[in-house]
Amino acid sequence: MAITSANQLELLQTAEAVAREKMIDPGLVVEAMEESLARAAKSRYGSEMDIRVKIDRKTGRATFTRVRTVVDEEEYENYQAEFTIDSAKPYFEAPKPNQNAVWMRDGQALTDFAGGPQVGDMFTEEVPPVEMGRIAAQSAKQVILQKVREAERDRQYEEFKDRAGTIINGVVKREEYGNVIVDVGRGEGILRRNEKIGRESYRNGDRIRCYIKDVRRETRGPQIFLSRTAPEFMAELFKMEVPEIYDGIIEIKAVARDPGSRAKIAVISYDGSIDPVGACVGMRGSRVQAVVNELQGEKIDIIPWNEDVPTFLVNALQPAEVSKVVLDEDAERIEVVVPDEQLSLAIGRRGQNVRLASQLTGLDIDIMTEEEESQRRQKEFEERTQLFMDTLDLDEFFAQLLVAEGFTNLEEVAYVELDELLVIDGVDEGTAEELQTRAREYLEEQAKKALENARALGADDSLINFEGLTPQMIEVLAKDGVKTLEDFATCADWELAGGWTTENGERHKDEGLLEPFDMSLDEAQHLVMTARVLLGWVDPTELEEETEGEDLGDMEDEQA
């Protein structure tokens, strides 16, 4: 195919048609054509040459030019596309014999040649158009199609990138391997199989409402990722149905969903005269029913949000009644006690109710009945009573008095203020002092034995003399092979204090070596870092700067 006057206008018509069909700038299509023609010309004239093509936007005439650029002597490599200043001088004389040749400087055609050529000047001369064979034409077509696809993806990305996190209405275009391709206007989105509610299916032409979960650049394939199972989808639906949420009077604090089955949504009102739950339900349930209908009949529990975690959890476990809540903030776990007859309701079918409540609060929830909790408390009471009987040589009644007063271990008895023992019925000052003496002697004896065992296991003095570890802790560490300060300094904080690991959405407990001694993660981290400083592994000034930064961050959080 030769670029002749017969098909010059056809180039522009083709560009206009493609641009209209793909909804992109016609200029981008013309640029793609220019690049494809330039590539074909290089295959004809030589790949080393810098051949450029310019298509006139009015007439469609394609002009082929060869460009040579003036470069420094050191950078001169390609004589086909570059000049040195010396080699450019013969071409720099005026008048030029070739009227189709032009010298360019800073994007402008040169008219004054007195100063001689400079680095960066470009010599352009028109060359004859090329005859495009079948292979060259096919290659040009591929270049144009590729450029058009890139322009289409760029246009789609730019249009939708700021719409992530919103709801969009679309039309089902087709289904591929369970994934639904949705026409969303000037682009296509994909609703993956795992983002559909239950077993819902769609036919071509069905209208569908989805949440734009993500918009990202992809080298190929879809860029707009849709979802109907995302918790944010429900939140956005409520924002559309409830004007108070849209206006910011009511805020959605948390959403948990079992898509297609049940959901819980926590709301709070910043206007004391507006009930957040009632506003979301609407007159005769009209507002919440509109959301339920969109979500294929998904049952929705609307819960008042509360800053107090136990109170919020009691609300989250509705419709079950809760007798008692025990919160363990360090482990991010919470124990809930319910009446015996409420257990199945609190857990829900296949654990659904407690699972959703856990997602809503961000805590692991253990549910037990009042009877189970009573049995556990009785067992703890008996174990502590026996501990005091065995270690302090007390009768059962006196040991029970200590437990009933809230004493849980020997350290508390040994080191509390004397007044706290005197409040126990029948305990005078002499008895209290005797109790503390027995407790301290027992603890000292245990510490001595633990230290002997640790030394027998090979514990080094560097670890034994390290401040912050008790003999019992050192014994446990030595049994696990941690026998020197260097060994201790290589430990991670969670190895000492324990922690939680999440795998496949399930949290698993990691037992810590010193967890039985109630060591927290912060305490473990402080001890390990102190050991590293003593060994010279960490610069203490850096540690101080880091600590000061954390303190400053904490202060800013408190002020906020």
Protein backbone atom coordinates (compact mmCIF):
# COMPACT_ATOMS: atom_id res chain seq x y z
CA MET A 1 0.00 0.00 0.00
CA ALA A 2 1.48 3.36 -1.01
CA ILE A 3 0.51 6.56 0.76
CA THR A 4 -0.96 8.40 -2.23
CA SER A 5 -3.51 11.16 -2.67
CA ALA A 6 -6.17 8.51 -3.24
CA ASN A 7 -6.01 7.22 0.31
CA GLN A 8 -4.76 10.29 2.21
CA LEU A 9 -8.25 11.36 3.30
CA GLU A 10 -9.04 7.74 4.04
CA LEU A 11 -6.42 7.85 6.84
CA LEU A 12 -8.26 10.68 8.59
CA GLN A 13 -11.64 9.03 8.09
CA THR A 14 -10.31 5.79 9.59
CA ALA A 15 -8.83 7.69 12.56
CA GLU A 16 -12.14 9.47 13.16
CA ALA A 17 -14.12 6.23 12.98
CA VAL A 18 -11.80 4.37 15.38
CA ALA A 19 -11.72 7.30 17.83
CA ARG A 20 -15.51 7.56 17.79
CA GLU A 21 -15.94 3.84 18.37
CA LYS A 22 -13.40 3.65 21.21
CA MET A 23 -14.31 7.09 22.63
CA ILE A 24 -10.74 8.36 22.57
CA ASP A 25 -9.04 11.44 21.10
CA PRO A 26 -8.71 11.18 17.26
CA GLY A 27 -5.26 12.74 17.65
CA LEU A 28 -4.09 9.64 19.53
CA VAL A 29 -5.17 7.42 16.61
CA VAL A 30 -3.37 9.67 14.11
CA GLU A 31 -0.23 9.53 16.29
CA ALA A 32 -0.46 5.73 16.27
CA MET A 33 -0.71 5.80 12.49
CA GLU A 34 2.32 8.09 12.27
CA GLU A 35 4.33 5.69 14.44
CA SER A 36 3.28 2.67 12.38
CA LEU A 37 4.21 4.40 9.12
CA ALA A 38 7.56 5.46 10.59
CA ARG A 39 8.26 1.88 11.59
CA ALA A 40 7.45 0.68 8.08
CA ALA A 41 9.73 3.37 6.61
CA LYS A 42 12.62 2.29 8.84
CA SER A 43 12.31 -1.26 7.53
CA ARG A 44 12.63 0.22 4.00
CA TYR A 45 15.39 2.82 4.57
CA GLY A 46 17.27 1.16 7.43
CA SER A 47 16.60 0.71 11.13
CA GLU A 48 19.56 2.95 12.04
CA MET A 49 17.89 5.97 10.52
CA ASP A 50 15.65 8.33 12.48
CA ILE A 51 12.60 8.41 10.20
CA ARG A 52 9.59 10.42 11.33
CA VAL A 53 6.14 10.73 9.81
CA LYS A 54 3.74 13.64 10.11
CA ILE A 55 0.14 13.35 8.92
CA ASP A 56 -1.57 16.64 8.10
CA ARG A 57 -4.72 16.81 10.25
CA LYS A 58 -6.68 18.55 7.42
CA THR A 59 -5.55 16.96 4.19
CA GLY A 60 -4.34 13.59 5.48
CA ARG A 61 -1.06 13.97 3.59
CA ALA A 62 1.74 11.93 5.20
CA THR A 63 5.19 13.55 5.14
CA PHE A 64 8.22 11.31 5.65
CA THR A 65 11.34 13.03 6.99
CA ARG A 66 14.79 11.85 7.92
CA VAL A 67 16.18 13.53 11.04
CA ARG A 68 19.84 13.88 12.03
CA THR A 69 20.78 15.53 15.33
CA VAL A 70 24.00 17.37 16.21
CA VAL A 71 25.70 15.78 19.24
CA ASP A 72 28.97 16.11 21.18
CA GLU A 73 32.00 14.33 19.75
CA GLU A 74 32.06 11.97 22.78
CA GLU A 75 28.42 10.95 22.29
CA TYR A 76 28.64 10.43 18.53
CA GLU A 77 27.69 6.81 17.71
CA ASN A 78 25.24 6.55 14.83
CA TYR A 79 26.27 8.36 11.62
CA GLN A 80 22.86 7.61 10.08
CA ALA A 81 20.99 9.64 12.69
CA GLU A 82 23.66 11.93 14.20
CA PHE A 83 26.13 14.68 13.23
CA THR A 84 29.18 16.01 14.94
CA ILE A 85 29.61 19.77 14.66
CA ASP A 86 32.30 19.29 12.01
CA SER A 87 30.31 16.80 9.92
CA ALA A 88 27.24 19.07 10.08
CA LYS A 89 29.01 22.15 8.65
CA PRO A 90 28.74 21.12 4.95
CA TYR A 91 24.96 20.81 5.37
CA PHE A 92 24.74 24.14 7.20
CA GLU A 93 25.57 26.43 4.27
CA ALA A 94 22.90 28.60 2.65
CA PRO A 95 21.28 28.72 0.27
CA LYS A 96 20.42 25.02 0.67
CA PRO A 97 20.38 23.00 -2.53
CA ASN A 98 17.55 20.79 -1.27
CA GLN A 99 14.42 22.88 -0.63
CA ASN A 100 12.88 20.02 1.33
CA ALA A 101 15.68 20.14 3.90
CA VAL A 102 15.33 22.31 7.02
CA TRP A 103 17.57 23.06 10.02
CA MET A 104 15.66 23.22 13.33
CA ARG A 105 16.79 24.80 16.60
CA ASP A 106 14.62 24.78 19.74
CA GLY A 107 11.63 23.69 17.69
CA GLN A 108 11.93 26.55 15.21
CA ALA A 109 13.21 26.56 11.62
CA LEU A 110 16.58 28.35 11.33
CA THR A 111 16.88 31.42 9.11
CA ASP A 112 20.27 32.72 10.31
CA PHE A 113 23.18 30.35 9.59
CA ALA A 114 26.03 32.71 10.52
CA GLY A 115 26.84 31.14 13.90
CA GLY A 116 27.39 27.62 12.57
CA PRO A 117 25.77 24.42 13.89
CA GLN A 118 25.22 23.84 17.62
CA VAL A 119 24.68 20.71 19.73
CA GLY A 120 20.98 19.92 19.69
CA ASP A 121 20.30 21.30 16.17
CA MET A 122 18.33 18.93 13.96
CA PHE A 123 18.65 18.57 10.18
CA THR A 124 15.41 17.29 8.63
CA GLU A 125 14.95 16.38 5.01
CA GLU A 126 11.94 14.92 3.31
CA VAL A 127 12.26 11.44 1.84
CA PRO A 128 9.97 9.67 -0.63
CA PRO A 129 6.93 7.85 0.84
CA VAL A 130 7.31 4.10 1.18
CA GLU A 131 5.48 1.33 -0.55
CA MET A 132 3.97 -0.82 2.20
CA GLY A 133 4.04 -4.49 1.47
CA ARG A 134 1.67 -7.03 3.05
CA ILE A 135 3.96 -7.69 6.04
CA ALA A 136 4.63 -4.01 6.65
CA ALA A 137 0.92 -3.23 6.44
CA GLN A 138 0.10 -5.98 8.92
CA SER A 139 2.80 -4.69 11.29
CA ALA A 140 1.40 -1.17 10.98
CA LYS A 141 -2.07 -2.44 11.76
CA GLN A 142 -0.80 -4.17 14.91
CA VAL A 143 0.93 -0.98 16.07
CA ILE A 144 -2.25 1.04 15.55
CA LEU A 145 -4.40 -1.52 17.39
CA GLN A 146 -1.92 -1.66 20.28
CA LYS A 147 -1.79 2.13 20.57
CA VAL A 148 -5.57 2.35 20.44
CA ARG A 149 -5.91 -0.27 23.18
CA GLU A 150 -3.39 1.59 25.37
CA ALA A 151 -5.20 4.88 24.79
CA GLU A 152 -8.52 3.22 25.60
CA ARG A 153 -7.17 1.75 28.85
CA ASP A 154 -5.59 5.08 29.83
CA ARG A 155 -8.86 6.90 29.13
CA GLN A 156 -10.80 4.34 31.15
CA TYR A 157 -8.36 4.51 34.07
CA GLU A 158 -8.36 8.33 34.17
CA GLU A 159 -12.16 8.42 34.09
CA PHE A 160 -12.74 5.85 36.84
CA LYS A 161 -9.71 6.16 39.14
CA ASP A 162 -11.46 8.73 41.35
CA ARG A 163 -14.68 6.69 41.50
CA ALA A 164 -13.23 3.81 43.51
CA GLY A 165 -15.25 3.43 46.69
CA THR A 166 -18.54 4.41 45.08
CA ILE A 167 -21.55 2.56 43.69
CA ILE A 168 -22.11 2.32 39.95
CA ASN A 169 -25.00 1.08 37.83
CA GLY A 170 -24.18 -1.06 34.84
CA VAL A 171 -25.51 -3.57 32.34
CA VAL A 172 -24.41 -7.20 32.20
CA LYS A 173 -22.47 -7.71 28.98
CA ARG A 174 -21.40 -11.34 29.23
CA GLU A 175 -20.28 -14.03 31.66
CA GLU A 176 -16.85 -15.68 31.51
CA TYR A 177 -16.05 -18.65 33.75
CA GLY A 178 -18.40 -17.41 36.46
CA ASN A 179 -17.08 -13.82 36.27
CA VAL A 180 -19.52 -11.19 35.05
CA ILE A 181 -18.34 -8.50 32.62
CA VAL A 182 -20.34 -5.32 33.24
CA ASP A 183 -20.76 -2.38 30.87
CA VAL A 184 -20.38 0.68 33.11
CA GLY A 185 -20.77 3.33 30.43
CA ARG A 186 -17.44 4.37 28.98
CA GLY A 187 -15.70 1.22 30.12
CA GLU A 188 -16.02 -2.36 31.30
CA GLY A 189 -15.80 -3.69 34.85
CA ILE A 190 -15.44 -7.25 36.11
CA LEU A 191 -17.49 -8.77 38.91
CA ARG A 192 -15.52 -11.83 39.94
CA ARG A 193 -17.21 -15.02 41.02
CA ASN A 194 -16.23 -14.57 44.69
CA GLU A 195 -17.59 -11.00 44.68
CA LYS A 196 -21.13 -12.10 43.81
CA ILE A 197 -23.79 -12.61 46.48
CA GLY A 198 -24.55 -16.29 47.03
CA ARG A 199 -25.45 -18.04 43.84
CA GLU A 200 -26.94 -15.06 42.04
CA SER A 201 -26.73 -15.30 38.26
CA TYR A 202 -27.24 -12.72 35.55
CA ARG A 203 -28.23 -12.72 31.91
CA ASN A 204 -27.02 -10.41 29.14
CA GLY A 205 -28.78 -7.07 29.37
CA ASP A 206 -29.64 -7.32 33.10
CA ARG A 207 -29.15 -4.12 35.03
CA ILE A 208 -26.80 -4.47 38.01
CA ARG A 209 -25.62 -2.25 40.84
CA CYS A 210 -22.08 -2.80 42.14
CA TYR A 211 -19.45 -1.26 44.36
CA ILE A 212 -16.23 -0.13 42.64
CA LYS A 213 -13.72 -1.93 44.82
CA ASP A 214 -10.57 -1.02 42.94
CA VAL A 215 -9.39 0.76 39.80
CA ARG A 216 -5.83 0.09 38.77
CA ARG A 217 -3.61 0.08 35.73
CA GLU A 218 -3.24 -3.31 34.08
CA THR A 219 -1.12 -4.21 31.06
CA ARG A 220 -4.05 -6.23 29.79
CA GLY A 221 -7.51 -7.25 30.90
CA PRO A 222 -9.98 -5.33 33.07
CA GLN A 223 -9.04 -2.35 35.18
CA ILE A 224 -12.31 -1.79 37.08
CA PHE A 225 -12.92 -4.39 39.77
CA LEU A 226 -16.47 -4.58 41.11
CA SER A 227 -17.98 -6.18 44.20
CA ARG A 228 -21.36 -6.92 45.71
CA THR A 229 -20.02 -8.71 48.80
CA ALA A 230 -17.80 -5.92 50.17
CA PRO A 231 -18.97 -4.46 53.50
CA GLU A 232 -18.47 -1.02 51.95
CA PHE A 233 -21.19 -1.85 49.38
CA MET A 234 -23.77 -2.06 52.17
CA ALA A 235 -22.46 1.15 53.75
CA GLU A 236 -22.79 3.01 50.44
CA LEU A 237 -26.32 1.64 49.93
CA PHE A 238 -27.34 2.99 53.34
CA LYS A 239 -25.75 6.32 52.46
CA MET A 240 -28.00 6.46 49.39
CA GLU A 241 -31.13 5.53 51.34
CA VAL A 242 -30.55 7.51 54.55
CA PRO A 243 -30.12 11.29 54.06
CA GLU A 244 -28.77 11.67 57.61
CA ILE A 245 -25.79 9.43 56.73
CA TYR A 246 -25.15 11.36 53.51
CA ASP A 247 -25.24 14.64 55.46
CA GLY A 248 -22.83 13.31 58.12
CA ILE A 249 -25.33 13.52 61.00
CA ILE A 250 -25.17 9.72 61.33
CA GLU A 251 -21.92 7.83 60.76
CA ILE A 252 -21.47 4.17 59.91
CA LYS A 253 -18.67 3.01 62.24
CA ALA A 254 -18.40 -0.65 61.25
CA VAL A 255 -19.97 -3.22 58.93
CA ALA A 256 -19.75 -7.02 59.03
CA ARG A 257 -21.36 -9.23 56.41
CA ASP A 258 -22.09 -12.82 55.62
CA PRO A 259 -23.09 -11.94 52.04
CA GLY A 260 -26.58 -13.00 51.07
CA SER A 261 -27.40 -14.27 54.54
CA ARG A 262 -26.93 -11.79 57.36
CA ALA A 263 -25.13 -8.58 58.24
CA LYS A 264 -24.53 -6.25 61.17
CA ILE A 265 -23.99 -2.51 60.83
CA ALA A 266 -22.95 -0.20 63.69
CA VAL A 267 -24.11 3.43 63.54
CA ILE A 268 -23.75 6.52 65.72
CA SER A 269 -25.65 9.82 65.70
CA TYR A 270 -23.93 13.16 66.27
CA ASP A 271 -27.30 14.81 66.89
CA GLY A 272 -28.86 13.87 70.22
CA SER A 273 -32.36 14.35 68.82
CA ILE A 274 -31.91 11.74 66.08
CA ASP A 275 -32.04 8.01 66.80
CA PRO A 276 -29.43 6.41 64.49
CA VAL A 277 -31.11 3.00 64.44
CA GLY A 278 -34.57 4.43 63.78
CA ALA A 279 -33.26 6.68 61.01
CA CYS A 280 -31.63 3.72 59.25
CA VAL A 281 -34.74 1.55 59.60
CA GLY A 282 -37.03 4.27 58.23
CA MET A 283 -40.79 4.58 58.31
CA ARG A 284 -42.21 1.06 58.57
CA GLY A 285 -38.76 -0.26 57.65
CA SER A 286 -38.79 1.35 54.20
CA ARG A 287 -35.11 2.40 54.19
CA VAL A 288 -33.59 -0.82 55.44
CA GLN A 289 -35.95 -2.83 53.25
CA ALA A 290 -34.63 -1.08 50.14
CA VAL A 291 -31.11 -2.20 51.08
CA VAL A 292 -32.30 -5.73 51.91
CA ASN A 293 -33.98 -6.04 48.50
CA GLU A 294 -30.78 -4.97 46.73
CA LEU A 295 -28.78 -7.56 48.71
CA GLN A 296 -30.97 -10.53 47.80
CA GLY A 297 -32.87 -10.62 51.12
CA GLU A 298 -29.79 -10.35 53.37
CA LYS A 299 -31.01 -9.85 56.97
CA ILE A 300 -29.51 -6.72 58.54
CA ASP A 301 -29.04 -5.99 62.26
CA ILE A 302 -28.64 -2.26 62.87
CA ILE A 303 -26.68 -1.69 66.09
CA PRO A 304 -25.95 1.49 68.06
CA TRP A 305 -22.18 2.01 68.24
CA ASN A 306 -20.57 2.71 71.61
CA GLU A 307 -17.01 3.71 72.56
CA ASP A 308 -17.17 1.32 75.50
CA VAL A 309 -16.14 -2.01 73.94
CA PRO A 310 -18.08 -4.30 76.32
CA THR A 311 -21.26 -2.23 75.84
CA PHE A 312 -20.78 -2.25 72.08
CA LEU A 313 -20.30 -6.01 72.14
CA VAL A 314 -23.50 -6.53 74.12
CA ASN A 315 -25.29 -4.58 71.38
CA ALA A 316 -23.47 -6.51 68.63
CA LEU A 317 -24.61 -9.88 69.97
CA GLN A 318 -28.27 -8.95 69.65
CA PRO A 319 -30.78 -10.55 69.70
CA ALA A 320 -29.05 -12.63 72.41
CA GLU A 321 -28.99 -11.35 76.00
CA VAL A 322 -25.60 -11.02 77.73
CA SER A 323 -25.09 -11.48 81.47
CA LYS A 324 -21.42 -10.53 81.78
CA VAL A 325 -18.48 -9.35 79.67
CA VAL A 326 -14.77 -9.76 80.50
CA LEU A 327 -12.33 -7.87 78.23
CA ASP A 328 -8.67 -8.81 77.75
CA GLU A 329 -7.29 -5.83 75.78
CA ASP A 330 -3.73 -7.20 75.52
CA ALA A 331 -4.86 -10.39 73.79
CA GLU A 332 -7.68 -8.60 71.93
CA ARG A 333 -10.04 -11.23 73.27
CA ILE A 334 -13.32 -10.90 75.10
CA GLU A 335 -15.29 -13.40 77.17
CA VAL A 336 -19.06 -13.22 77.09
CA VAL A 337 -21.30 -14.98 79.58
CA VAL A 338 -24.90 -15.64 78.53
CA PRO A 339 -27.82 -17.44 80.20
CA ASP A 340 -27.92 -21.15 79.40
CA GLU A 341 -31.02 -20.83 77.22
CA GLN A 342 -29.43 -17.96 75.21
CA LEU A 343 -26.29 -19.85 74.15
CA SER A 344 -27.53 -21.10 70.77
CA LEU A 345 -29.00 -17.69 69.97
CA ALA A 346 -25.74 -15.91 70.83
CA ILE A 347 -23.66 -18.28 68.71
CA GLY A 348 -26.15 -18.32 65.84
CA ARG A 349 -26.54 -20.83 63.05
CA ARG A 350 -23.09 -22.23 62.20
CA GLY A 351 -21.56 -19.60 64.47
CA GLN A 352 -22.82 -16.76 62.28
CA ASN A 353 -23.97 -14.36 65.01
CA VAL A 354 -20.78 -14.51 67.07
CA ARG A 355 -18.62 -14.43 63.93
CA LEU A 356 -20.27 -11.23 62.70
CA ALA A 357 -20.04 -9.67 66.17
CA SER A 358 -16.33 -10.54 66.20
CA GLN A 359 -15.79 -8.89 62.80
CA LEU A 360 -17.73 -5.83 63.92
CA THR A 361 -15.71 -5.30 67.12
CA GLY A 362 -12.35 -6.59 65.86
CA LEU A 363 -12.04 -8.90 68.88
CA ASP A 364 -11.98 -12.65 69.38
CA ILE A 365 -15.06 -13.64 71.34
CA ASP A 366 -15.38 -16.62 73.67
CA ILE A 367 -18.96 -17.40 74.63
CA MET A 368 -19.84 -19.47 77.68
CA THR A 369 -22.97 -20.12 79.69
CA GLU A 370 -23.51 -18.92 83.24
CA GLU A 371 -23.13 -22.51 84.44
CA GLU A 372 -19.79 -22.95 82.62
CA GLU A 373 -18.53 -19.66 84.01
CA SER A 374 -19.64 -20.64 87.52
CA GLN A 375 -17.78 -23.95 87.22
CA ARG A 376 -14.64 -22.18 86.00
CA ARG A 377 -14.75 -19.64 88.80
CA GLN A 378 -15.26 -22.44 91.34
CA LYS A 379 -12.29 -24.32 89.91
CA GLU A 380 -10.07 -21.20 90.08
CA PHE A 381 -11.23 -20.60 93.67
CA GLU A 382 -10.33 -24.14 94.69
CA GLU A 383 -6.92 -23.99 92.95
CA ARG A 384 -5.98 -20.71 94.66
CA THR A 385 -7.24 -21.98 98.01
CA GLN A 386 -5.08 -25.09 97.66
CA LEU A 387 -2.08 -22.92 96.66
CA PHE A 388 -2.30 -20.88 99.87
CA MET A 389 -2.89 -24.02 101.97
CA ASP A 390 0.18 -25.74 100.55
CA THR A 391 2.60 -22.81 100.51
CA LEU A 392 1.59 -20.81 103.58
CA ASP A 393 0.60 -23.76 105.79
CA LEU A 394 -2.96 -22.42 106.30
CA ASP A 395 -6.18 -24.23 107.04
CA GLU A 396 -8.85 -24.32 104.34
CA PHE A 397 -11.08 -21.65 105.90
CA PHE A 398 -8.28 -19.08 106.22
CA ALA A 399 -7.04 -19.78 102.69
CA GLN A 400 -10.58 -19.27 101.37
CA LEU A 401 -10.72 -15.90 103.13
CA LEU A 402 -7.59 -14.78 101.24
CA VAL A 403 -9.02 -15.89 97.89
CA ALA A 404 -12.38 -14.27 98.62
CA GLU A 405 -10.59 -11.00 99.36
CA GLY A 406 -9.09 -11.08 95.83
CA PHE A 407 -5.58 -12.44 96.43
CA THR A 408 -4.54 -14.62 93.49
CA ASN A 409 -0.84 -15.42 94.07
CA LEU A 410 1.91 -15.43 96.67
CA GLU A 411 3.55 -12.24 95.37
CA GLU A 412 0.43 -10.28 96.21
CA VAL A 413 0.38 -11.64 99.76
CA ALA A 414 4.13 -11.06 100.27
CA TYR A 415 4.42 -7.51 99.02
CA VAL A 416 1.05 -5.74 99.49
CA GLU A 417 0.60 -3.02 102.06
CA LEU A 418 -0.13 -4.48 105.49
CA ASP A 419 -3.45 -2.61 105.63
CA GLU A 420 -4.83 -4.71 102.78
CA LEU A 421 -4.40 -7.86 104.89
CA LEU A 422 -5.87 -6.27 108.01
CA VAL A 423 -9.27 -5.82 106.33
CA ILE A 424 -9.74 -9.62 106.37
CA ASP A 425 -11.92 -10.78 109.26
CA GLY A 426 -9.86 -12.27 112.11
CA VAL A 427 -6.50 -10.96 110.82
CA ASP A 428 -4.58 -8.71 113.23
CA GLU A 429 -1.22 -7.06 112.66
CA GLY A 430 0.79 -9.98 114.02
CA THR A 431 -1.08 -12.47 111.81
CA ALA A 432 -0.60 -10.25 108.76
CA GLU A 433 3.15 -9.98 109.35
CA GLU A 434 3.38 -13.74 109.83
CA LEU A 435 1.54 -14.31 106.53
CA GLN A 436 3.92 -12.00 104.67
CA THR A 437 6.99 -13.59 106.29
CA ARG A 438 5.86 -17.09 105.23
CA ALA A 439 5.08 -15.90 101.69
CA ARG A 440 8.46 -14.16 101.30
CA GLU A 441 10.40 -17.11 102.68
CA TYR A 442 8.63 -19.48 100.31
CA LEU A 443 9.28 -17.19 97.32
CA GLU A 444 12.95 -16.80 98.25
CA GLU A 445 13.33 -20.57 98.58
CA GLN A 446 11.72 -21.07 95.17
CA ALA A 447 13.97 -18.41 93.65
CA LYS A 448 17.05 -20.09 95.10
CA LYS A 449 16.05 -23.49 93.67
CA ALA A 450 15.26 -21.95 90.30
CA LEU A 451 18.66 -20.24 90.20
CA GLU A 452 20.45 -23.51 91.06
CA ASN A 453 18.52 -25.31 88.32
CA ALA A 454 19.33 -22.56 85.82
CA ARG A 455 23.06 -22.79 86.59
CA ALA A 456 22.89 -26.57 86.29
CA LEU A 457 21.31 -26.11 82.85
CA GLY A 458 24.21 -23.87 81.80
CA ALA A 459 22.79 -20.38 82.35
CA ASP A 460 25.58 -17.82 82.06
CA ASP A 461 26.22 -15.04 84.62
CA SER A 462 25.57 -12.46 81.88
CA LEU A 463 21.95 -13.65 81.80
CA ILE A 464 21.62 -14.29 85.56
CA ASN A 465 22.83 -10.77 86.40
CA PHE A 466 20.63 -9.11 83.77
CA GLU A 467 18.16 -6.83 85.51
CA GLY A 468 14.50 -7.54 84.80
CA LEU A 469 14.57 -11.36 84.80
CA THR A 470 13.62 -13.39 87.88
CA PRO A 471 15.36 -16.69 88.69
CA GLN A 472 12.21 -18.57 87.63
CA MET A 473 12.28 -16.77 84.25
CA ILE A 474 15.97 -17.58 83.81
CA GLU A 475 15.26 -21.25 84.56
CA VAL A 476 12.53 -21.36 81.89
CA LEU A 477 14.80 -19.63 79.36
CA ALA A 478 17.70 -22.00 80.09
CA LYS A 479 15.43 -25.03 79.58
CA ASP A 480 14.64 -23.64 76.11
CA GLY A 481 18.31 -23.11 75.24
CA VAL A 482 18.49 -19.39 76.02
CA LYS A 483 21.53 -19.42 78.30
CA THR A 484 23.49 -16.22 77.61
CA LEU A 485 22.68 -12.56 77.20
CA GLU A 486 23.52 -12.93 73.49
CA ASP A 487 20.92 -15.70 73.21
CA PHE A 488 18.36 -13.50 74.94
CA ALA A 489 19.12 -10.52 72.71
CA THR A 490 18.30 -12.56 69.59
CA CYS A 491 14.79 -13.37 70.87
CA ALA A 492 11.74 -11.67 69.42
CA ASP A 493 9.31 -9.99 71.79
CA TRP A 494 6.46 -12.36 70.82
CA GLU A 495 8.71 -15.39 71.54
CA LEU A 496 8.93 -14.16 75.14
CA ALA A 497 5.47 -12.66 75.73
CA GLY A 498 3.41 -14.66 73.26
CA GLY A 499 1.12 -13.26 70.60
CA TRP A 500 -1.45 -13.98 67.95
CA THR A 501 -0.97 -15.03 64.33
CA THR A 502 -3.68 -14.76 61.69
CA GLU A 503 -3.72 -17.49 59.04
CA ASN A 504 -6.48 -17.84 56.47
CA GLY A 505 -8.61 -15.45 58.48
CA GLU A 506 -8.23 -17.43 61.72
CA ARG A 507 -6.25 -16.24 64.73
CA HIS A 508 -3.86 -18.71 66.38
CA LYS A 509 -2.19 -18.32 69.75
CA ASP A 510 1.62 -18.29 69.91
CA GLU A 511 2.75 -19.32 73.39
CA GLY A 512 5.53 -17.16 74.86
CA LEU A 513 8.34 -18.53 77.05
CA LEU A 514 7.70 -15.91 79.76
CA GLU A 515 3.95 -15.61 79.23
CA PRO A 516 3.18 -17.55 82.47
CA PHE A 517 4.88 -14.68 84.33
CA ASP A 518 2.36 -12.16 82.85
CA MET A 519 5.01 -10.46 80.72
CA SER A 520 3.54 -8.04 78.18
CA LEU A 521 4.85 -7.44 74.65
CA ASP A 522 6.05 -3.95 75.64
CA GLU A 523 7.98 -5.32 78.61
CA ALA A 524 9.52 -8.07 76.48
CA GLN A 525 10.53 -5.58 73.78
CA HIS A 526 12.11 -3.26 76.37
CA LEU A 527 14.15 -6.11 77.91
CA VAL A 528 15.38 -7.38 74.52
CA MET A 529 16.38 -3.88 73.37
CA THR A 530 18.15 -3.22 76.69
CA ALA A 531 20.14 -6.44 76.20
CA ARG A 532 21.10 -5.38 72.68
CA VAL A 533 22.28 -1.99 73.94
CA LEU A 534 24.41 -3.66 76.66
CA LEU A 535 25.98 -5.90 74.02
CA GLY A 536 26.70 -2.93 71.75
CA TRP A 537 24.40 -4.16 68.99
CA VAL A 538 22.21 -1.05 69.15
CA ASP A 539 23.23 2.59 69.59
CA PRO A 540 21.52 3.83 72.77
CA THR A 541 21.10 7.33 71.28
CA GLU A 542 19.08 5.89 68.39
CA LEU A 543 16.97 3.98 70.91
CA GLU A 544 16.34 7.17 72.89
CA GLU A 545 15.34 9.07 69.73
CA GLU A 546 12.95 6.28 68.76
CA THR A 547 11.42 6.27 72.26
CA GLU A 548 11.05 10.06 72.22
CA GLY A 549 9.34 9.82 68.82
CA GLU A 550 6.90 7.24 70.16
CA ASP A 551 6.19 9.38 73.23
CA LEU A 552 5.57 12.41 71.02
CA GLY A 553 3.23 10.37 68.83
CA ASP A 554 1.33 9.19 71.90
CA MET A 555 0.99 12.80 73.10
CA GLU A 556 -0.35 13.89 69.71
CA ASP A 557 -2.86 11.03 69.73
CA GLU A 558 -4.02 12.03 73.21
CA GLN A 559 -4.39 15.66 72.14
CA ALA A 560 -6.32 14.59 69.05
